[in-house]
Protein backbone atom coordinates (compact mmCIF):
# COMPACT_ATOMS: atom_id res chain seq x y z
CA MET A 1 82.23 -38.48 -97.52
CA THR A 2 79.47 -40.07 -99.53
CA ALA A 3 80.89 -42.32 -102.23
CA ARG A 4 78.58 -43.11 -105.09
CA PRO A 5 78.83 -45.89 -107.69
CA GLY A 6 80.88 -45.40 -110.83
CA ARG A 7 84.35 -46.42 -111.97
CA PRO A 8 87.26 -43.97 -111.74
CA VAL A 9 88.37 -43.40 -115.30
CA GLU A 10 89.47 -40.28 -117.08
CA ASN A 11 86.50 -37.93 -117.16
CA ASN A 12 86.44 -34.67 -119.12
CA SER A 13 83.36 -33.60 -118.33
CA VAL A 14 85.04 -19.43 -95.03
CA GLU A 15 86.97 -18.66 -93.22
CA ASN A 16 89.28 -15.82 -94.23
CA ASN A 17 92.87 -16.90 -94.92
CA SER A 18 94.93 -13.78 -94.49
CA ILE A 19 98.34 -15.44 -94.50
CA VAL A 20 99.01 -15.47 -98.23
CA ALA A 21 102.19 -13.71 -99.37
CA ALA A 22 102.30 -9.94 -99.19
CA ASP A 23 102.69 -9.83 -102.97
CA VAL A 24 99.56 -11.92 -103.22
CA GLU A 25 97.33 -9.98 -100.84
CA GLY A 26 93.75 -9.54 -101.92
CA GLU A 27 91.76 -11.89 -104.11
CA ALA A 28 92.49 -11.95 -107.80
CA SER A 29 89.57 -11.23 -110.04
CA PRO A 30 88.35 -14.57 -111.41
CA GLN A 31 88.73 -15.06 -115.12
CA SER A 32 85.32 -15.12 -116.77
CA SER A 33 86.59 -16.85 -119.90
CA PRO A 34 87.68 -20.50 -119.76
CA ALA A 35 90.51 -19.57 -122.10
CA GLY A 36 91.94 -17.30 -119.40
CA ALA A 37 91.53 -19.74 -116.54
CA LEU A 38 94.52 -20.84 -114.48
CA ARG A 39 95.41 -24.40 -115.54
CA VAL A 40 96.04 -26.36 -112.35
CA ALA A 41 97.55 -29.87 -112.30
CA LEU A 42 96.87 -31.50 -108.92
CA LEU A 43 98.80 -34.63 -107.89
CA HIS A 44 97.17 -36.88 -105.28
CA ASN A 45 98.19 -40.34 -104.10
CA ILE A 46 95.01 -42.46 -104.37
CA VAL A 47 91.30 -42.07 -105.07
CA SER A 48 89.80 -41.21 -101.69
CA PRO A 49 86.14 -40.53 -100.89
CA HIS A 50 87.30 -37.82 -98.48
CA VAL A 51 88.80 -35.59 -101.18
CA LEU A 52 86.62 -36.20 -104.23
CA PRO A 53 83.86 -33.81 -103.09
CA LEU A 54 86.50 -31.18 -102.34
CA PHE A 55 88.14 -31.55 -105.74
CA GLU A 56 84.74 -31.28 -107.42
CA ARG A 57 84.00 -28.03 -105.60
CA LEU A 58 87.46 -26.64 -106.33
CA ALA A 59 87.10 -27.45 -110.02
CA SER A 60 83.90 -25.41 -110.17
CA GLN A 61 85.61 -22.21 -109.05
CA PRO A 62 85.66 -19.38 -111.61
CA GLY A 63 89.14 -18.78 -112.93
CA LEU A 64 90.42 -22.32 -112.30
CA ALA A 65 90.77 -25.17 -114.81
CA LEU A 66 91.61 -28.16 -112.63
CA LYS A 67 92.80 -31.61 -113.60
CA VAL A 68 93.58 -34.20 -110.90
CA TYR A 69 96.20 -36.89 -111.44
CA PHE A 70 95.90 -39.83 -109.04
CA LEU A 71 99.10 -41.82 -108.59
CA ALA A 72 97.08 -45.02 -108.07
CA GLU A 73 93.46 -46.05 -107.71
CA THR A 74 93.93 -47.50 -104.21
CA ASP A 75 96.46 -49.22 -101.95
CA ARG A 76 96.63 -52.53 -100.10
CA ASN A 77 95.82 -51.07 -96.67
CA ARG A 78 92.62 -49.34 -97.84
CA ARG A 79 89.15 -50.75 -98.33
CA TRP A 80 87.60 -47.51 -99.49
CA GLU A 81 85.02 -47.53 -102.24
CA THR A 82 86.78 -46.01 -105.24
CA THR A 83 83.96 -46.27 -107.77
CA VAL A 84 82.47 -42.82 -107.82
CA ALA A 85 80.25 -40.96 -110.25
CA ARG A 86 81.51 -37.41 -110.04
CA GLN A 87 82.03 -34.97 -112.86
CA LEU A 88 85.71 -34.29 -112.40
CA HIS A 89 88.51 -33.92 -114.93
CA TYR A 90 91.02 -36.54 -113.76
CA GLU A 91 92.95 -39.69 -114.56
CA VAL A 92 94.82 -42.43 -112.74
CA LEU A 93 98.44 -42.55 -113.90
CA PRO A 94 100.22 -45.84 -114.66
CA HIS A 95 102.42 -46.73 -111.71
CA TRP A 96 104.74 -49.09 -109.89
CA ALA A 97 104.41 -49.43 -106.12
CA LEU A 98 107.39 -49.79 -103.80
CA ARG A 99 106.01 -50.95 -100.46
CA VAL A 100 107.79 -50.86 -97.11
CA GLY A 101 106.51 -52.51 -93.94
CA ARG A 102 103.86 -55.15 -93.40
CA ARG A 103 102.20 -54.10 -90.15
CA ASP A 104 101.95 -50.43 -91.15
CA LEU A 105 102.24 -50.13 -94.90
CA HIS A 106 104.10 -47.26 -96.56
CA THR A 107 103.97 -47.03 -100.35
CA TYR A 108 106.22 -45.03 -102.64
CA PHE A 109 104.47 -44.71 -105.99
CA VAL A 110 106.54 -44.41 -109.16
CA ASN A 111 104.62 -42.93 -112.10
CA PRO A 112 106.99 -42.96 -115.11
CA THR A 113 104.61 -41.03 -117.38
CA VAL A 114 104.04 -38.05 -115.11
CA ILE A 115 106.51 -35.70 -116.85
CA PRO A 116 105.41 -36.37 -120.46
CA THR A 117 101.77 -36.23 -119.34
CA LEU A 118 102.18 -32.82 -117.73
CA LEU A 119 104.14 -31.48 -120.68
CA ARG A 120 101.58 -32.77 -123.18
CA GLU A 121 98.50 -31.46 -121.40
CA GLY A 122 100.00 -28.18 -120.24
CA PHE A 123 99.66 -26.42 -116.90
CA ASP A 124 100.26 -23.06 -115.25
CA VAL A 125 100.81 -24.40 -111.73
CA VAL A 126 101.30 -27.81 -110.11
CA VAL A 127 99.77 -28.57 -106.71
CA SER A 128 101.24 -31.66 -105.05
CA ALA A 129 99.47 -33.30 -102.12
CA GLY A 130 102.57 -34.43 -100.30
CA TRP A 131 106.23 -34.76 -101.24
CA ASP A 132 106.97 -38.46 -100.76
CA SER A 133 106.34 -39.78 -104.27
CA PHE A 134 108.25 -39.87 -107.53
CA ALA A 135 105.56 -37.77 -109.20
CA ALA A 136 105.75 -35.02 -106.56
CA GLN A 137 109.52 -34.87 -106.81
CA ALA A 138 109.66 -35.05 -110.61
CA ALA A 139 106.97 -32.37 -110.96
CA PHE A 140 108.95 -30.11 -108.63
CA LEU A 141 112.03 -30.38 -110.88
CA LEU A 142 109.88 -29.84 -113.97
CA CYS A 143 108.39 -26.67 -112.51
CA LYS A 144 111.86 -25.36 -111.67
CA ALA A 145 113.05 -26.08 -115.21
CA LEU A 146 110.01 -24.37 -116.78
CA ARG A 147 109.94 -21.56 -114.17
CA LYS A 148 106.37 -22.32 -113.21
CA PRO A 149 104.96 -22.26 -109.67
CA TYR A 150 104.88 -25.42 -107.57
CA VAL A 151 102.53 -25.54 -104.56
CA LEU A 152 102.96 -28.03 -101.71
CA TRP A 153 99.80 -29.29 -99.99
CA SER A 154 100.97 -30.90 -96.79
CA GLY A 155 99.65 -32.40 -93.56
CA SER A 156 102.98 -33.55 -92.16
CA THR A 157 103.90 -32.45 -88.64
CA ALA A 158 106.97 -32.61 -86.43
CA HIS A 159 105.37 -35.59 -84.63
CA GLU A 160 106.21 -38.10 -87.37
CA PRO A 161 109.72 -39.39 -86.67
CA SER A 162 110.87 -42.21 -88.94
CA TRP A 163 113.93 -43.33 -90.84
CA ARG A 164 112.20 -42.30 -94.07
CA ARG A 165 111.81 -38.74 -92.81
CA THR A 166 115.47 -38.61 -91.76
CA VAL A 167 116.75 -39.92 -95.10
CA SER A 168 114.52 -37.65 -97.20
CA LEU A 169 114.89 -34.48 -95.10
CA PRO A 170 117.42 -32.69 -97.37
CA LEU A 171 115.18 -33.28 -100.41
CA VAL A 172 112.07 -32.20 -98.49
CA LYS A 173 113.73 -28.97 -97.35
CA MET A 174 114.77 -28.21 -100.92
CA MET A 175 111.20 -28.74 -102.15
CA VAL A 176 109.70 -26.64 -99.37
CA ARG A 177 112.09 -23.75 -99.90
CA GLY A 178 111.61 -23.91 -103.65
CA ALA A 179 107.81 -23.91 -103.60
CA ALA A 180 105.77 -20.90 -104.64
CA GLY A 181 103.10 -21.44 -102.00
CA TYR A 182 101.73 -23.91 -99.50
CA VAL A 183 98.45 -25.42 -98.38
CA ALA A 184 98.56 -26.77 -94.82
CA TYR A 185 96.09 -29.22 -93.26
CA GLY A 186 95.99 -27.16 -90.07
CA THR A 187 97.97 -25.41 -87.35
CA ARG A 188 100.60 -28.10 -86.80
CA ALA A 189 101.17 -28.68 -90.50
CA ARG A 190 101.69 -24.96 -90.98
CA GLU A 191 104.18 -24.86 -88.11
CA TYR A 192 106.15 -27.74 -89.62
CA LEU A 193 106.25 -26.16 -93.09
CA VAL A 194 107.65 -22.97 -91.56
CA GLN A 195 110.17 -25.04 -89.59
CA LEU A 196 111.32 -26.59 -92.89
CA GLY A 197 111.83 -23.17 -94.46
CA ALA A 198 108.44 -22.07 -95.83
CA ASP A 199 107.62 -18.37 -95.89
CA PRO A 200 104.71 -18.15 -93.41
CA ARG A 201 103.09 -15.41 -95.51
CA ARG A 202 102.60 -17.91 -98.34
CA VAL A 203 100.91 -20.64 -96.28
CA ALA A 204 97.15 -21.01 -96.62
CA ILE A 205 95.38 -23.21 -94.09
CA ALA A 206 92.78 -25.55 -95.56
CA TYR A 207 91.70 -27.70 -92.64
CA ASN A 208 91.79 -31.40 -93.46
CA THR A 209 88.15 -32.41 -93.41
CA VAL A 210 85.24 -34.54 -94.53
CA ASP A 211 81.73 -33.73 -95.72
CA VAL A 212 80.77 -32.19 -92.36
CA GLU A 213 77.28 -31.18 -93.45
CA TRP A 214 76.48 -34.70 -94.63
CA PHE A 215 77.63 -36.29 -91.37
CA GLN A 216 75.63 -33.76 -89.35
CA ALA A 217 72.49 -34.34 -91.37
CA ARG A 218 72.84 -38.12 -91.31
CA ALA A 219 73.43 -38.16 -87.55
CA ASP A 220 70.37 -35.99 -86.97
CA GLU A 221 68.34 -38.37 -89.10
CA LEU A 222 69.54 -41.45 -87.21
CA ARG A 223 69.53 -40.12 -83.65
CA PRO A 224 65.80 -40.72 -82.90
CA GLY A 225 66.45 -44.44 -83.48
CA ARG A 226 69.56 -44.56 -81.29
CA VAL A 227 68.19 -47.17 -78.89
CA ASP A 228 67.35 -49.53 -81.75
CA ILE A 229 70.73 -48.94 -83.40
CA ARG A 230 72.57 -49.85 -80.21
CA ARG A 231 70.52 -53.01 -79.89
CA GLN A 232 71.27 -53.94 -83.50
CA LEU A 233 74.99 -53.47 -82.83
CA GLY A 234 74.84 -55.68 -79.76
CA LEU A 235 75.38 -52.81 -77.32
CA GLY A 236 73.73 -52.29 -73.96
CA THR A 237 72.39 -49.09 -72.44
CA GLU A 238 75.62 -48.10 -70.63
CA PRO A 239 78.14 -45.56 -72.02
CA VAL A 240 79.99 -46.52 -75.21
CA VAL A 241 83.53 -45.44 -76.08
CA LEU A 242 84.11 -45.64 -79.84
CA TYR A 243 87.31 -46.13 -81.86
CA VAL A 244 87.37 -46.06 -85.67
CA GLY A 245 90.58 -46.79 -87.55
CA GLN A 246 93.10 -49.35 -88.68
CA MET A 247 94.37 -51.94 -86.22
CA ILE A 248 98.07 -51.04 -86.53
CA GLU A 249 100.80 -50.12 -84.05
CA ARG A 250 100.94 -46.38 -84.65
CA LYS A 251 97.20 -46.03 -83.98
CA GLY A 252 97.77 -47.15 -80.37
CA PRO A 253 95.05 -49.83 -80.06
CA HIS A 254 96.95 -51.69 -77.33
CA ASP A 255 97.16 -48.44 -75.35
CA LEU A 256 93.40 -48.07 -75.76
CA LEU A 257 92.73 -51.59 -74.54
CA ALA A 258 94.90 -51.00 -71.47
CA ALA A 259 93.14 -47.68 -70.79
CA PHE A 260 89.72 -49.28 -71.18
CA GLU A 261 90.64 -51.94 -68.63
CA LEU A 262 91.34 -49.13 -66.13
CA VAL A 263 88.07 -47.36 -66.97
CA ALA A 264 86.13 -50.61 -66.59
CA ARG A 265 87.43 -51.03 -63.04
CA ALA A 266 85.78 -47.74 -62.05
CA GLN A 267 82.74 -48.14 -64.31
CA PRO A 268 82.18 -51.88 -64.84
CA ASP A 269 79.36 -51.42 -67.34
CA VAL A 270 81.21 -49.09 -69.75
CA GLN A 271 81.56 -50.47 -73.30
CA LEU A 272 84.26 -50.22 -75.97
CA LEU A 273 83.29 -50.44 -79.64
CA LEU A 274 86.17 -50.95 -82.09
CA VAL A 275 85.51 -50.34 -85.79
CA GLY A 276 88.24 -51.17 -88.28
CA TYR A 277 90.63 -53.82 -89.53
CA GLY A 278 94.33 -54.52 -89.70
CA PRO A 279 97.13 -56.92 -88.75
CA LEU A 280 96.67 -56.39 -84.99
CA GLU A 281 93.00 -57.32 -84.89
CA ALA A 282 93.52 -60.98 -83.92
CA ALA A 283 96.02 -60.06 -81.18
CA LEU A 284 93.64 -57.45 -79.78
CA ARG A 285 90.79 -59.92 -79.70
CA ARG A 286 92.98 -62.39 -77.80
CA ALA A 287 94.10 -59.69 -75.37
CA ALA A 288 90.53 -58.62 -74.64
CA ALA A 289 89.51 -62.23 -74.04
CA SER A 290 92.50 -63.03 -71.82
CA ARG A 291 91.79 -59.95 -69.67
CA HIS A 292 88.10 -60.90 -69.45
CA LEU A 293 86.99 -57.55 -70.85
CA GLY A 294 83.40 -58.43 -71.62
CA GLY A 295 82.42 -54.95 -72.73
CA VAL A 296 84.59 -54.95 -75.85
CA THR A 297 82.93 -55.30 -79.28
CA PHE A 298 84.89 -55.71 -82.53
CA ALA A 299 82.79 -54.53 -85.47
CA GLY A 300 85.37 -55.13 -88.20
CA HIS A 301 85.32 -53.17 -91.44
CA VAL A 302 82.38 -50.78 -91.86
CA PRO A 303 81.70 -48.98 -95.18
CA LEU A 304 82.06 -45.22 -94.95
CA ALA A 305 78.41 -44.59 -95.70
CA ASP A 306 77.41 -46.71 -92.66
CA LEU A 307 79.73 -45.06 -90.13
CA PRO A 308 77.19 -42.49 -88.84
CA ARG A 309 75.23 -45.35 -87.22
CA TYR A 310 78.25 -46.16 -85.08
CA TYR A 311 78.93 -42.52 -84.18
CA VAL A 312 75.29 -42.07 -83.16
CA ALA A 313 75.43 -45.21 -81.04
CA ALA A 314 78.48 -43.97 -79.08
CA ASP A 315 78.91 -41.54 -76.19
CA CYS A 316 82.48 -40.41 -76.84
CA PHE A 317 85.19 -40.94 -79.43
CA VAL A 318 88.85 -41.84 -78.89
CA LEU A 319 91.88 -41.81 -81.20
CA PRO A 320 94.96 -42.92 -79.17
CA SER A 321 97.56 -42.71 -81.96
CA ARG A 322 101.29 -42.58 -81.36
CA GLU A 323 101.71 -41.02 -84.81
CA GLU A 324 98.96 -39.43 -86.92
CA VAL A 325 99.16 -36.81 -89.66
CA TRP A 326 95.62 -35.60 -88.96
CA GLY A 327 92.90 -38.11 -88.05
CA LEU A 328 89.81 -37.48 -90.19
CA VAL A 329 87.75 -39.71 -87.91
CA LEU A 330 87.91 -36.82 -85.42
CA ASN A 331 86.07 -34.63 -87.94
CA GLU A 332 83.46 -37.33 -88.52
CA ALA A 333 82.87 -37.93 -84.81
CA ALA A 334 82.68 -34.22 -84.03
CA ALA A 335 80.17 -33.66 -86.82
CA CYS A 336 78.06 -36.39 -85.20
CA SER A 337 78.19 -34.50 -81.87
CA LEU A 338 80.64 -36.68 -79.96
CA PRO A 339 83.22 -35.43 -77.45
CA LEU A 340 86.78 -36.26 -78.53
CA VAL A 341 89.77 -37.75 -76.73
CA THR A 342 93.09 -38.01 -78.57
CA THR A 343 96.84 -37.87 -78.08
CA GLU A 344 99.43 -35.15 -78.59
CA PRO A 345 100.92 -36.45 -81.87
CA VAL A 346 97.54 -36.35 -83.66
CA GLY A 347 97.67 -33.41 -86.06
CA GLY A 348 93.95 -32.68 -86.02
CA GLY A 349 93.81 -32.32 -82.25
CA ALA A 350 95.19 -28.78 -82.27
CA ASP A 351 92.35 -27.51 -84.45
CA LEU A 352 89.45 -29.79 -83.52
CA ILE A 353 89.77 -30.10 -79.74
CA GLU A 354 89.54 -27.38 -77.12
CA PRO A 355 90.57 -29.19 -73.92
CA GLY A 356 87.85 -29.03 -71.31
CA VAL A 357 85.36 -27.71 -73.87
CA ASN A 358 84.80 -30.61 -76.26
CA GLY A 359 87.35 -33.19 -75.15
CA ALA A 360 90.91 -33.85 -74.07
CA ILE A 361 94.43 -34.30 -75.47
CA VAL A 362 96.78 -36.59 -73.54
CA PRO A 363 100.34 -37.87 -74.03
CA ALA A 364 100.72 -40.82 -76.40
CA GLY A 365 101.50 -44.20 -74.94
CA ALA A 366 100.05 -43.30 -71.53
CA PRO A 367 97.05 -45.56 -70.77
CA GLU A 368 96.53 -44.04 -67.30
CA ALA A 369 96.16 -40.52 -68.71
CA LEU A 370 93.95 -41.83 -71.50
CA ALA A 371 91.69 -43.61 -69.00
CA ALA A 372 91.36 -40.51 -66.82
CA ALA A 373 90.41 -38.40 -69.86
CA LEU A 374 87.78 -40.91 -70.95
CA VAL A 375 86.17 -40.93 -67.50
CA GLU A 376 86.11 -37.14 -67.40
CA VAL A 377 84.68 -36.77 -70.90
CA LEU A 378 81.96 -39.38 -70.35
CA GLU A 379 80.74 -37.35 -67.39
CA GLN A 380 80.24 -34.30 -69.65
CA GLN A 381 79.34 -35.98 -72.90
CA GLU A 382 76.26 -33.96 -73.82
CA ARG A 383 77.82 -30.53 -73.29
CA MET A 384 81.08 -31.52 -74.96
CA GLY A 385 79.33 -33.18 -77.86
CA GLU A 386 77.46 -29.99 -78.68
CA ALA A 387 80.75 -28.08 -78.56
CA SER A 388 82.37 -30.58 -80.95
CA ARG A 389 79.68 -29.98 -83.52
CA ARG A 390 80.22 -26.23 -83.26
CA ILE A 391 84.02 -26.43 -83.47
CA VAL A 392 84.14 -28.75 -86.49
CA GLY A 393 81.91 -26.28 -88.33
CA ARG A 394 84.97 -24.22 -89.20
CA ALA A 395 86.62 -27.16 -91.01
CA THR A 396 84.46 -27.53 -94.11
CA TYR A 397 84.88 -27.98 -97.83
CA ALA A 398 83.78 -24.37 -98.30
CA GLN A 399 86.68 -23.19 -96.10
CA ASN A 400 89.08 -25.43 -98.05
CA VAL A 401 87.96 -24.12 -101.41
CA ALA A 402 88.22 -20.51 -100.33
CA ALA A 403 91.74 -21.03 -98.98
CA ILE A 404 93.10 -23.00 -101.94
CA ALA A 405 91.45 -20.96 -104.69
CA GLY A 406 92.52 -17.74 -102.98
CA LEU A 407 96.14 -18.88 -102.89
CA LEU A 408 96.20 -20.08 -106.51
CA LEU A 409 94.49 -17.03 -107.96
CA GLY A 410 96.72 -14.86 -105.82
CA LEU A 411 99.80 -16.46 -107.36
CA GLN A 412 98.33 -15.87 -110.79
CA ALA A 413 97.68 -12.21 -110.00
CA ALA A 414 101.22 -11.76 -108.64
CA ALA A 415 102.69 -13.29 -111.81
CA ALA A 416 100.56 -10.97 -113.93
CA ARG A 417 102.00 -8.03 -112.01
CA GLY A 418 105.51 -9.13 -112.94
CA HIS A 419 106.48 -10.89 -109.71
CA ARG A 420 106.83 -14.37 -111.18
CA GLY A 421 110.46 -14.62 -110.13
CA ALA A 422 109.48 -14.59 -106.45
CA TYR A 423 107.49 -17.79 -106.81
CA VAL A 424 109.57 -20.16 -108.93
C-alpha cells in the first residue's frame, strides 16, 4: 500500500484455487505472443492505493493484456493519495456522481462514455469490481449483446442490509446469474455470490488484501524504536487499543467508546488511539470528554505510508463495525503483528481471524462483548500477534494474481475448446 508521486492519467506503457468451473479445470497455457493475449477490460470505482500494486502485478502476467478503467479519480469521503507513478495501462473515465447520504456517503457513478470506449478499444472479457455503478451494469448488457464473458469481482456479503440492496436485488441477481465467472474477496463474499445464484465451481477466491510484505517489513524496521514512537504520539507505557477508519455510524465508533469505558474500569491505565476522520469525530471527542475518558487520543487523518508507526505503537487492533464489506485495516494490523478484535458483520473476519488464536469476533452493537474480548486479547497480545502475522500471510497479492489470472485464462481455454456458450 505504498503510494508514490505521479498523476493518474492514461498510461500505455498461492494459494491454489481449485473452485473454477469444471470446464475450466487446469491452467491454460499462457500465450507467448502479445497478439494472442486475452484482452481484459477491468472496471474499478476509484483510484485506490490498495489495488494499484495488484493491478500492476496482474498486468504483467503472460497471456493477459489488461486495461483498467477507473470510474472516477477519487470520492468525497476519501483522502487517499491518488498520484501514483506506476506503469499501468489505464484511464479515468468522464463521469457524473450521484451521491446519497451525508454521514455515510454512497456514490453511484455514471460514466456515459463507457460503452463507446469499450467498443472502440476492444476486449475479450470484462471484469467488473462490483455491480452498483452504471458502467458495471452497461458493460454487463454489452457483454450479453456481444456474447463475450463478463466476470464479477465482488466483496459484498449477506451482512449489508440497506434499501439500496433491496431495490437493486432483481438486477443484481440477473447480473450474477448471467456472469461467466466470479472473483470473491473471501469466504463470506463467495457464500453470498452462491446465494445470489452463482455457480460455486466458477468462483475464484482472491482475498481482499494490501501489500502485506511491505507492512511486515516496515513494522520490523520500526519496532526497535517503539518506545520513542509511543512518546512521539503522546502515549504512555500502558497497553494501547488501536482503531483505524472513518468516523461514521456503520463503523461503530460509539460502540467502541462505550466498550473502552468498560475496559478502563477494570484496567484504568489502558489507552485508546483513534486514527481517522469523518462526521462523527466532533461528537466522539465530546463524548470522551464528558465521560472523563483520559486515555483516549484522537490522531485525525494519517497518510497511508505513515500508518505502520501507529500499528507498531499499539498492542491490539479493533474494528467494531456494524456493516463492513471487508475491512482492509485488519490486513494491515495483522501484517504488523497485532491481535485482532472485530464484529460478526465484518467480511474479513472469517478469513483473517481464528478466534482464540489471533483474536476474537463478537456481535455488532454489543459494547459488553467487545470490552470482554479486548481484555482477553490484551492478556495474550504477543502470542496472538505472532499468529496474526502468520494467518495474513495467505492473503497476498501473489495469491490474488494466481486466482484471477487462473480464472481468466481458464475461461479463455474453455472458449477455445468450444464451450463459449456456457459462459455468456
